[in-house]
């Protein structure tokens, strides 16, 4: 299901002339990070949610077609 959702988002992005998709994923969910990596996404940065001093999320992106 997740792979189909990502594919739909990427198809919509292409239809709208976008060349890149970005997303954020919580570091506490390594299985989600692994899924996005398997789909071709790479890390572009890390951020901390308000109130945290250490990063809690990872920014990821992929280039389209």
C-alpha atoms as a PDB file:
ATOM      1  CA  UNK A   1       0.000   0.000   0.000  1.00  0.00           C
ATOM      2  CA  UNK A   2       2.755   2.485   0.913  1.00  0.00           C
ATOM      3  CA  UNK A   3       4.572   1.867  -2.357  1.00  0.00           C
ATOM      4  CA  UNK A   4       1.384   2.560  -4.324  1.00  0.00           C
ATOM      5  CA  UNK A   5       0.797   5.778  -2.399  1.00  0.00           C
ATOM      6  CA  UNK A   6       4.354   6.982  -3.090  1.00  0.00           C
ATOM      7  CA  UNK A   7       3.970   6.045  -6.763  1.00  0.00           C
ATOM      8  CA  UNK A   8       0.726   8.051  -6.939  1.00  0.00           C
ATOM      9  CA  UNK A   9       2.378  11.093  -5.364  1.00  0.00           C
ATOM     10  CA  UNK A  10       5.296  10.833  -7.781  1.00  0.00           C
ATOM     11  CA  UNK A  11       2.960  10.488 -10.785  1.00  0.00           C
ATOM     12  CA  UNK A  12       1.003  13.560  -9.678  1.00  0.00           C
ATOM     13  CA  UNK A  13       4.246  15.489  -9.253  1.00  0.00           C
ATOM     14  CA  UNK A  14       5.329  14.570 -12.794  1.00  0.00           C
ATOM     15  CA  UNK A  15       1.897  15.576 -14.167  1.00  0.00           C
ATOM     16  CA  UNK A  16       2.382  18.972 -12.513  1.00  0.00           C
ATOM     17  CA  UNK A  17       5.836  19.501 -13.963  1.00  0.00           C
ATOM     18  CA  UNK A  18       7.788  18.758 -10.813  1.00  0.00           C
ATOM     19  CA  UNK A  19      11.211  17.203 -11.036  1.00  0.00           C
ATOM     20  CA  UNK A  20      11.631  16.320  -7.358  1.00  0.00           C
ATOM     21  CA  UNK A  21       9.607  14.968  -4.429  1.00  0.00           C
ATOM     22  CA  UNK A  22      10.598  15.724  -0.852  1.00  0.00           C
ATOM     23  CA  UNK A  23       9.317  14.254   2.384  1.00  0.00           C
ATOM     24  CA  UNK A  24      10.000  14.082   6.088  1.00  0.00           C
ATOM     25  CA  UNK A  25      10.206  10.897   8.121  1.00  0.00           C
ATOM     26  CA  UNK A  26      10.621  10.389  11.858  1.00  0.00           C
ATOM     27  CA  UNK A  27      13.942   8.929  12.909  1.00  0.00           C
ATOM     28  CA  UNK A  28      12.056   6.713  15.369  1.00  0.00           C
ATOM     29  CA  UNK A  29      10.637   4.793  12.376  1.00  0.00           C
ATOM     30  CA  UNK A  30      13.639   3.071  10.762  1.00  0.00           C
ATOM     31  CA  UNK A  31      11.412   0.776   8.706  1.00  0.00           C
ATOM     32  CA  UNK A  32       9.908   3.830   7.010  1.00  0.00           C
ATOM     33  CA  UNK A  33      13.368   5.235   6.311  1.00  0.00           C
ATOM     34  CA  UNK A  34      14.369   1.885   4.796  1.00  0.00           C
ATOM     35  CA  UNK A  35      11.241   1.866   2.598  1.00  0.00           C
ATOM     36  CA  UNK A  36      11.926   5.329   1.225  1.00  0.00           C
ATOM     37  CA  UNK A  37      15.582   4.466   0.609  1.00  0.00           C
ATOM     38  CA  UNK A  38      14.482   1.347  -1.288  1.00  0.00           C
ATOM     39  CA  UNK A  39      12.268   3.619  -3.405  1.00  0.00           C
ATOM     40  CA  UNK A  40      15.235   5.813  -4.320  1.00  0.00           C
ATOM     41  CA  UNK A  41      14.960   8.586  -1.744  1.00  0.00           C
ATOM     42  CA  UNK A  42      18.133  10.000  -0.200  1.00  0.00           C
ATOM     43  CA  UNK A  43      18.677  11.960   2.982  1.00  0.00           C
ATOM     44  CA  UNK A  44      18.899  15.727   2.503  1.00  0.00           C
ATOM     45  CA  UNK A  45      18.929  16.870   6.133  1.00  0.00           C
ATOM     46  CA  UNK A  46      17.740  16.377   9.675  1.00  0.00           C
ATOM     47  CA  UNK A  47      15.604  18.505  11.973  1.00  0.00           C
ATOM     48  CA  UNK A  48      14.535  18.577  15.591  1.00  0.00           C
ATOM     49  CA  UNK A  49      10.890  19.036  16.482  1.00  0.00           C
ATOM     50  CA  UNK A  50      10.161  21.917  18.886  1.00  0.00           C
ATOM     51  CA  UNK A  51      11.323  21.092  22.388  1.00  0.00           C
ATOM     52  CA  UNK A  52      14.017  18.612  21.281  1.00  0.00           C
ATOM     53  CA  UNK A  53      17.737  19.289  21.117  1.00  0.00           C
ATOM     54  CA  UNK A  54      18.630  16.292  18.936  1.00  0.00           C
ATOM     55  CA  UNK A  55      17.247  15.575  15.445  1.00  0.00           C
ATOM     56  CA  UNK A  56      13.915  13.770  15.427  1.00  0.00           C
ATOM     57  CA  UNK A  57      13.177  13.724  11.705  1.00  0.00           C
ATOM     58  CA  UNK A  58      14.975  13.243   8.418  1.00  0.00           C
ATOM     59  CA  UNK A  59      14.290  15.118   5.198  1.00  0.00           C
ATOM     60  CA  UNK A  60      14.509  12.939   2.082  1.00  0.00           C
ATOM     61  CA  UNK A  61      14.116  13.575  -1.637  1.00  0.00           C
ATOM     62  CA  UNK A  62      14.117  11.848  -5.000  1.00  0.00           C
ATOM     63  CA  UNK A  63      14.495  13.144  -8.529  1.00  0.00           C
ATOM     64  CA  UNK A  64      11.777  12.186 -10.973  1.00  0.00           C
ATOM     65  CA  UNK A  65      12.169  10.783 -14.496  1.00  0.00           C
END
